[in-house]
Amino acid sequence: MTEKITQRILEEAREKAQAIRAEAESAAGSVVSEARERAQILTQKADAAAKDSLSDAERRFVAVAELDAKKYRLGAKIQVLDEAFREAESAFLAMEPAAYRAVYERIVLSAVSSGREGIAPAADETRLDQGFVDGVNATLRAQGRTGELVLMPKREDISGGLILLEGSMEINLSTAAVMRQVREEIEGQTADLLFGQEEA
């Protein structure tokens, strides 16, 4: 009798063990299946994030390349403008003496205040001599202004043009200073002429 009870207990235990094993396998299969689904979702999200990240990197690369291209174009435009104004300054310095003196007479007439200033030409300047000073004085007098400008010793610190002196005040009217002022006034118009209205 004891054997039958033992056998029955063992059979019930086996049945329960099989049921538990089947249930465990089913649960494990469910967990594995769920884990696979989660892994697949995570993999898809990681792939999407990688693609987005790659797209951001590509966008940054394009933006940097466009910025570099704009900088290059701007640098090239500045070089062209610099060259244009250097050529203009060279042409200004190479003007015929009469035309050069006429330009400088207008410059001096607009800069003179008392009519008693000193005119100190550049050391290399041959066109702005006593005859030039006399001509400017005559024009000042014809305009009803004081015309007592005086020719001063030549200046070594400038190239072309002159310095207008009154007391301790100096007005730099060298060709370089005149061209700087002209450039400030017309650089925008010059750029429009050279490059049109294209975007920077």
C-alpha atoms as a PDB file:
ATOM      1  CA  MET A   1       0.000   0.000   0.000  1.00  0.00           C
ATOM      2  CA  THR A   2       2.815   2.265   0.847  1.00  0.00           C
ATOM      3  CA  GLU A   3       4.313   1.591  -2.544  1.00  0.00           C
ATOM      4  CA  LYS A   4       1.099   2.622  -4.273  1.00  0.00           C
ATOM      5  CA  ILE A   5       0.932   5.814  -2.279  1.00  0.00           C
ATOM      6  CA  THR A   6       4.573   6.510  -3.019  1.00  0.00           C
ATOM      7  CA  GLN A   7       4.020   5.745  -6.672  1.00  0.00           C
ATOM      8  CA  ARG A   8       0.971   7.959  -6.795  1.00  0.00           C
ATOM      9  CA  ILE A   9       2.850  10.774  -5.052  1.00  0.00           C
ATOM     10  CA  LEU A  10       5.705  10.347  -7.509  1.00  0.00           C
ATOM     11  CA  GLU A  11       3.312  10.359 -10.461  1.00  0.00           C
ATOM     12  CA  GLU A  12       1.546  13.437  -9.182  1.00  0.00           C
ATOM     13  CA  ALA A  13       4.918  15.045  -8.574  1.00  0.00           C
ATOM     14  CA  ARG A  14       5.987  14.152 -12.117  1.00  0.00           C
ATOM     15  CA  GLU A  15       2.768  15.526 -13.526  1.00  0.00           C
ATOM     16  CA  LYS A  16       3.152  18.705 -11.490  1.00  0.00           C
ATOM     17  CA  ALA A  17       6.794  18.941 -12.522  1.00  0.00           C
ATOM     18  CA  GLN A  18       5.814  18.507 -16.172  1.00  0.00           C
ATOM     19  CA  ALA A  19       3.055  21.086 -15.781  1.00  0.00           C
ATOM     20  CA  ILE A  20       5.464  23.451 -14.043  1.00  0.00           C
ATOM     21  CA  ARG A  21       8.094  22.783 -16.727  1.00  0.00           C
ATOM     22  CA  ALA A  22       5.535  23.361 -19.501  1.00  0.00           C
ATOM     23  CA  GLU A  23       4.343  26.508 -17.769  1.00  0.00           C
ATOM     24  CA  ALA A  24       7.949  27.647 -17.269  1.00  0.00           C
ATOM     25  CA  GLU A  25       8.791  26.911 -20.889  1.00  0.00           C
ATOM     26  CA  SER A  26       5.698  28.791 -21.992  1.00  0.00           C
ATOM     27  CA  ALA A  27       6.575  31.711 -19.711  1.00  0.00           C
ATOM     28  CA  ALA A  28      10.190  31.587 -20.848  1.00  0.00           C
ATOM     29  CA  GLY A  29       9.068  31.524 -24.468  1.00  0.00           C
ATOM     30  CA  SER A  30       6.849  34.496 -23.780  1.00  0.00           C
ATOM     31  CA  VAL A  31       9.703  36.357 -22.031  1.00  0.00           C
ATOM     32  CA  VAL A  32      12.109  35.491 -24.854  1.00  0.00           C
ATOM     33  CA  SER A  33       9.552  36.569 -27.444  1.00  0.00           C
ATOM     34  CA  GLU A  34       8.914  39.810 -25.560  1.00  0.00           C
ATOM     35  CA  ALA A  35      12.661  40.375 -25.201  1.00  0.00           C
ATOM     36  CA  ARG A  36      13.114  39.805 -28.933  1.00  0.00           C
ATOM     37  CA  GLU A  37      10.359  42.325 -29.699  1.00  0.00           C
ATOM     38  CA  ARG A  38      11.943  44.865 -27.343  1.00  0.00           C
ATOM     39  CA  ALA A  39      15.366  44.237 -28.842  1.00  0.00           C
ATOM     40  CA  GLN A  40      13.932  44.716 -32.327  1.00  0.00           C
ATOM     41  CA  ILE A  41      12.238  47.976 -31.286  1.00  0.00           C
ATOM     42  CA  LEU A  42      15.453  49.191 -29.633  1.00  0.00           C
ATOM     43  CA  THR A  43      17.444  48.234 -32.725  1.00  0.00           C
ATOM     44  CA  GLN A  44      15.004  50.127 -34.954  1.00  0.00           C
ATOM     45  CA  LYS A  45      15.204  53.159 -32.662  1.00  0.00           C
ATOM     46  CA  ALA A  46      19.005  52.966 -32.645  1.00  0.00           C
ATOM     47  CA  ASP A  47      19.038  52.721 -36.456  1.00  0.00           C
ATOM     48  CA  ALA A  48      16.689  55.716 -36.735  1.00  0.00           C
ATOM     49  CA  ALA A  49      18.812  57.710 -34.261  1.00  0.00           C
ATOM     50  CA  ALA A  50      21.943  56.800 -36.207  1.00  0.00           C
ATOM     51  CA  LYS A  51      20.284  57.935 -39.438  1.00  0.00           C
ATOM     52  CA  ASP A  52      19.143  61.198 -37.798  1.00  0.00           C
ATOM     53  CA  SER A  53      22.616  61.679 -36.374  1.00  0.00           C
ATOM     54  CA  LEU A  54      24.142  61.074 -39.781  1.00  0.00           C
ATOM     55  CA  SER A  55      21.708  63.557 -41.304  1.00  0.00           C
ATOM     56  CA  ASP A  56      22.674  66.152 -38.669  1.00  0.00           C
ATOM     57  CA  ALA A  57      26.343  65.534 -39.419  1.00  0.00           C
ATOM     58  CA  GLU A  58      25.685  65.907 -43.125  1.00  0.00           C
ATOM     59  CA  ARG A  59      23.704  69.113 -42.511  1.00  0.00           C
ATOM     60  CA  ARG A  60      26.538  70.509 -40.384  1.00  0.00           C
ATOM     61  CA  PHE A  61      29.047  69.584 -43.092  1.00  0.00           C
ATOM     62  CA  VAL A  62      26.980  71.361 -45.762  1.00  0.00           C
ATOM     63  CA  ALA A  63      26.523  74.425 -43.525  1.00  0.00           C
ATOM     64  CA  VAL A  64      30.266  74.608 -42.839  1.00  0.00           C
ATOM     65  CA  ALA A  65      31.037  74.171 -46.547  1.00  0.00           C
ATOM     66  CA  GLU A  66      28.591  76.970 -47.463  1.00  0.00           C
ATOM     67  CA  LEU A  67      30.119  79.244 -44.816  1.00  0.00           C
ATOM     68  CA  ASP A  68      33.622  78.492 -46.121  1.00  0.00           C
ATOM     69  CA  ALA A  69      32.462  79.254 -49.674  1.00  0.00           C
ATOM     70  CA  LYS A  70      30.981  82.593 -48.538  1.00  0.00           C
ATOM     71  CA  LYS A  71      34.219  83.464 -46.732  1.00  0.00           C
ATOM     72  CA  TYR A  72      36.211  82.577 -49.837  1.00  0.00           C
ATOM     73  CA  ARG A  73      33.945  84.687 -52.082  1.00  0.00           C
ATOM     74  CA  LEU A  74      34.146  87.600 -49.636  1.00  0.00           C
ATOM     75  CA  GLY A  75      37.940  87.286 -49.477  1.00  0.00           C
ATOM     76  CA  ALA A  76      38.133  87.251 -53.274  1.00  0.00           C
ATOM     77  CA  LYS A  77      35.882  90.333 -53.491  1.00  0.00           C
ATOM     78  CA  ILE A  78      38.033  92.181 -50.956  1.00  0.00           C
ATOM     79  CA  GLN A  79      41.139  91.330 -52.987  1.00  0.00           C
ATOM     80  CA  VAL A  80      39.489  92.628 -56.164  1.00  0.00           C
ATOM     81  CA  LEU A  81      38.431  95.850 -54.397  1.00  0.00           C
ATOM     82  CA  ASP A  82      41.926  96.296 -52.915  1.00  0.00           C
ATOM     83  CA  GLU A  83      43.445  95.870 -56.364  1.00  0.00           C
ATOM     84  CA  ALA A  84      40.940  98.297 -57.929  1.00  0.00           C
ATOM     85  CA  PHE A  85      41.765 100.989 -55.368  1.00  0.00           C
ATOM     86  CA  ARG A  86      45.530 100.358 -55.674  1.00  0.00           C
ATOM     87  CA  GLU A  87      45.205 100.856 -59.419  1.00  0.00           C
ATOM     88  CA  ALA A  88      43.137 104.011 -58.847  1.00  0.00           C
ATOM     89  CA  GLU A  89      45.829 105.385 -56.516  1.00  0.00           C
ATOM     90  CA  SER A  90      48.531 104.575 -59.088  1.00  0.00           C
ATOM     91  CA  ALA A  91      46.481 106.308 -61.791  1.00  0.00           C
ATOM     92  CA  PHE A  92      45.990 109.297 -59.467  1.00  0.00           C
ATOM     93  CA  LEU A  93      49.740 109.559 -58.856  1.00  0.00           C
ATOM     94  CA  ALA A  94      50.436 109.197 -62.599  1.00  0.00           C
ATOM     95  CA  MET A  95      48.099 112.053 -63.629  1.00  0.00           C
ATOM     96  CA  GLU A  96      49.445 114.825 -65.834  1.00  0.00           C
ATOM     97  CA  PRO A  97      50.790 117.699 -63.691  1.00  0.00           C
ATOM     98  CA  ALA A  98      48.024 120.176 -64.632  1.00  0.00           C
ATOM     99  CA  ALA A  99      45.207 117.692 -63.891  1.00  0.00           C
ATOM    100  CA  TYR A 100      46.898 116.572 -60.653  1.00  0.00           C
ATOM    101  CA  ARG A 101      47.296 120.184 -59.465  1.00  0.00           C
ATOM    102  CA  ALA A 102      43.635 120.900 -60.338  1.00  0.00           C
ATOM    103  CA  VAL A 103      42.476 117.943 -58.224  1.00  0.00           C
ATOM    104  CA  TYR A 104      44.703 118.978 -55.325  1.00  0.00           C
ATOM    105  CA  GLU A 105      43.561 122.587 -55.597  1.00  0.00           C
ATOM    106  CA  ARG A 106      39.950 121.448 -55.032  1.00  0.00           C
ATOM    107  CA  ILE A 107      41.089 119.265 -52.113  1.00  0.00           C
ATOM    108  CA  VAL A 108      43.053 122.097 -50.470  1.00  0.00           C
ATOM    109  CA  LEU A 109      40.280 124.667 -51.047  1.00  0.00           C
ATOM    110  CA  SER A 110      37.802 122.430 -49.206  1.00  0.00           C
ATOM    111  CA  ALA A 111      40.246 121.812 -46.323  1.00  0.00           C
ATOM    112  CA  VAL A 112      41.530 125.386 -45.769  1.00  0.00           C
ATOM    113  CA  SER A 113      39.907 127.291 -42.912  1.00  0.00           C
ATOM    114  CA  SER A 114      41.968 130.428 -42.185  1.00  0.00           C
ATOM    115  CA  GLY A 115      43.705 130.839 -45.534  1.00  0.00           C
ATOM    116  CA  ARG A 116      47.034 131.203 -43.699  1.00  0.00           C
ATOM    117  CA  GLU A 117      47.935 127.514 -43.446  1.00  0.00           C
ATOM    118  CA  GLY A 118      51.241 126.024 -44.500  1.00  0.00           C
ATOM    119  CA  ILE A 119      51.451 123.510 -47.333  1.00  0.00           C
ATOM    120  CA  ALA A 120      54.129 120.836 -46.817  1.00  0.00           C
ATOM    121  CA  PRO A 121      54.359 118.630 -49.919  1.00  0.00           C
ATOM    122  CA  ALA A 122      55.647 115.061 -49.845  1.00  0.00           C
ATOM    123  CA  ALA A 123      59.400 114.715 -50.390  1.00  0.00           C
ATOM    124  CA  ASP A 124      58.787 112.970 -53.728  1.00  0.00           C
ATOM    125  CA  GLU A 125      56.214 115.568 -54.842  1.00  0.00           C
ATOM    126  CA  THR A 126      57.305 117.811 -57.744  1.00  0.00           C
ATOM    127  CA  ARG A 127      53.905 119.048 -58.939  1.00  0.00           C
ATOM    128  CA  LEU A 128      52.823 120.819 -55.741  1.00  0.00           C
ATOM    129  CA  ASP A 129      55.361 123.630 -55.773  1.00  0.00           C
ATOM    130  CA  GLN A 130      55.310 127.403 -55.203  1.00  0.00           C
ATOM    131  CA  GLY A 131      53.349 127.880 -58.439  1.00  0.00           C
ATOM    132  CA  PHE A 132      50.653 125.549 -57.063  1.00  0.00           C
ATOM    133  CA  VAL A 133      50.491 127.495 -53.764  1.00  0.00           C
ATOM    134  CA  ASP A 134      50.266 130.809 -55.655  1.00  0.00           C
ATOM    135  CA  GLY A 135      47.411 129.429 -57.776  1.00  0.00           C
ATOM    136  CA  VAL A 136      45.451 128.254 -54.697  1.00  0.00           C
ATOM    137  CA  ASN A 137      45.993 131.671 -53.031  1.00  0.00           C
ATOM    138  CA  ALA A 138      44.665 133.416 -56.156  1.00  0.00           C
ATOM    139  CA  THR A 139      41.553 131.192 -56.151  1.00  0.00           C
ATOM    140  CA  LEU A 140      40.974 131.857 -52.429  1.00  0.00           C
ATOM    141  CA  ARG A 141      41.165 135.621 -53.012  1.00  0.00           C
ATOM    142  CA  ALA A 142      38.830 135.353 -56.017  1.00  0.00           C
ATOM    143  CA  GLN A 143      36.327 133.653 -53.681  1.00  0.00           C
ATOM    144  CA  GLY A 144      36.661 136.540 -51.208  1.00  0.00           C
ATOM    145  CA  ARG A 145      38.646 134.446 -48.740  1.00  0.00           C
ATOM    146  CA  THR A 146      42.092 135.005 -47.243  1.00  0.00           C
ATOM    147  CA  GLY A 147      44.748 133.660 -49.602  1.00  0.00           C
ATOM    148  CA  GLU A 148      48.020 133.626 -47.674  1.00  0.00           C
ATOM    149  CA  LEU A 149      49.032 129.971 -47.853  1.00  0.00           C
ATOM    150  CA  VAL A 150      52.760 129.352 -47.451  1.00  0.00           C
ATOM    151  CA  LEU A 151      54.929 126.625 -48.984  1.00  0.00           C
ATOM    152  CA  MET A 152      56.651 124.697 -46.171  1.00  0.00           C
ATOM    153  CA  PRO A 153      59.608 122.282 -46.227  1.00  0.00           C
ATOM    154  CA  LYS A 154      58.895 118.911 -47.816  1.00  0.00           C
ATOM    155  CA  ARG A 155      57.772 115.978 -45.674  1.00  0.00           C
ATOM    156  CA  GLU A 156      59.550 112.619 -45.664  1.00  0.00           C
ATOM    157  CA  ASP A 157      56.760 110.823 -43.789  1.00  0.00           C
ATOM    158  CA  ILE A 158      54.274 110.763 -46.692  1.00  0.00           C
ATOM    159  CA  SER A 159      54.379 109.694 -50.319  1.00  0.00           C
ATOM    160  CA  GLY A 160      52.527 111.935 -52.757  1.00  0.00           C
ATOM    161  CA  GLY A 161      50.227 114.799 -51.852  1.00  0.00           C
ATOM    162  CA  LEU A 162      50.741 117.189 -48.958  1.00  0.00           C
ATOM    163  CA  ILE A 163      50.137 118.021 -45.314  1.00  0.00           C
ATOM    164  CA  LEU A 164      48.135 121.159 -44.508  1.00  0.00           C
ATOM    165  CA  LEU A 165      49.551 122.835 -41.372  1.00  0.00           C
ATOM    166  CA  GLU A 166      48.141 125.461 -39.036  1.00  0.00           C
ATOM    167  CA  GLY A 167      49.795 125.870 -35.651  1.00  0.00           C
ATOM    168  CA  SER A 168      49.992 122.413 -34.092  1.00  0.00           C
ATOM    169  CA  MET A 169      47.194 121.085 -36.306  1.00  0.00           C
ATOM    170  CA  GLU A 170      48.001 118.902 -39.309  1.00  0.00           C
ATOM    171  CA  ILE A 171      45.578 117.695 -41.962  1.00  0.00           C
ATOM    172  CA  ASN A 172      46.905 114.709 -43.865  1.00  0.00           C
ATOM    173  CA  LEU A 173      46.150 115.213 -47.550  1.00  0.00           C
ATOM    174  CA  SER A 174      48.652 112.650 -48.808  1.00  0.00           C
ATOM    175  CA  THR A 175      47.528 110.577 -51.770  1.00  0.00           C
ATOM    176  CA  ALA A 176      47.156 107.556 -49.456  1.00  0.00           C
ATOM    177  CA  ALA A 177      44.898 109.531 -47.058  1.00  0.00           C
ATOM    178  CA  VAL A 178      42.853 110.977 -49.921  1.00  0.00           C
ATOM    179  CA  MET A 179      42.399 107.514 -51.458  1.00  0.00           C
ATOM    180  CA  ARG A 180      41.363 106.060 -48.058  1.00  0.00           C
ATOM    181  CA  GLN A 181      38.675 108.727 -47.758  1.00  0.00           C
ATOM    182  CA  VAL A 182      37.523 108.169 -51.337  1.00  0.00           C
ATOM    183  CA  ARG A 183      37.389 104.422 -50.710  1.00  0.00           C
ATOM    184  CA  GLU A 184      35.258 104.884 -47.580  1.00  0.00           C
ATOM    185  CA  GLU A 185      32.844 107.039 -49.556  1.00  0.00           C
ATOM    186  CA  ILE A 186      32.499 104.902 -52.695  1.00  0.00           C
ATOM    187  CA  GLU A 187      33.454 101.336 -51.752  1.00  0.00           C
ATOM    188  CA  GLY A 188      29.817 100.176 -51.667  1.00  0.00           C
ATOM    189  CA  GLN A 189      29.089 101.662 -55.089  1.00  0.00           C
ATOM    190  CA  THR A 190      32.326 100.210 -56.465  1.00  0.00           C
ATOM    191  CA  ALA A 191      31.429  96.756 -55.134  1.00  0.00           C
ATOM    192  CA  ASP A 192      27.987  97.025 -56.768  1.00  0.00           C
ATOM    193  CA  LEU A 193      29.610  97.952 -60.080  1.00  0.00           C
ATOM    194  CA  LEU A 194      32.133  95.118 -59.871  1.00  0.00           C
ATOM    195  CA  PHE A 195      29.909  92.376 -58.466  1.00  0.00           C
ATOM    196  CA  GLY A 196      26.334  93.510 -59.096  1.00  0.00           C
ATOM    197  CA  GLN A 197      23.674  92.856 -56.466  1.00  0.00           C
ATOM    198  CA  GLU A 198      24.680  89.220 -55.878  1.00  0.00           C
ATOM    199  CA  GLU A 199      24.409  87.872 -52.362  1.00  0.00           C
ATOM    200  CA  ALA A 200      27.537  87.827 -50.200  1.00  0.00           C
END
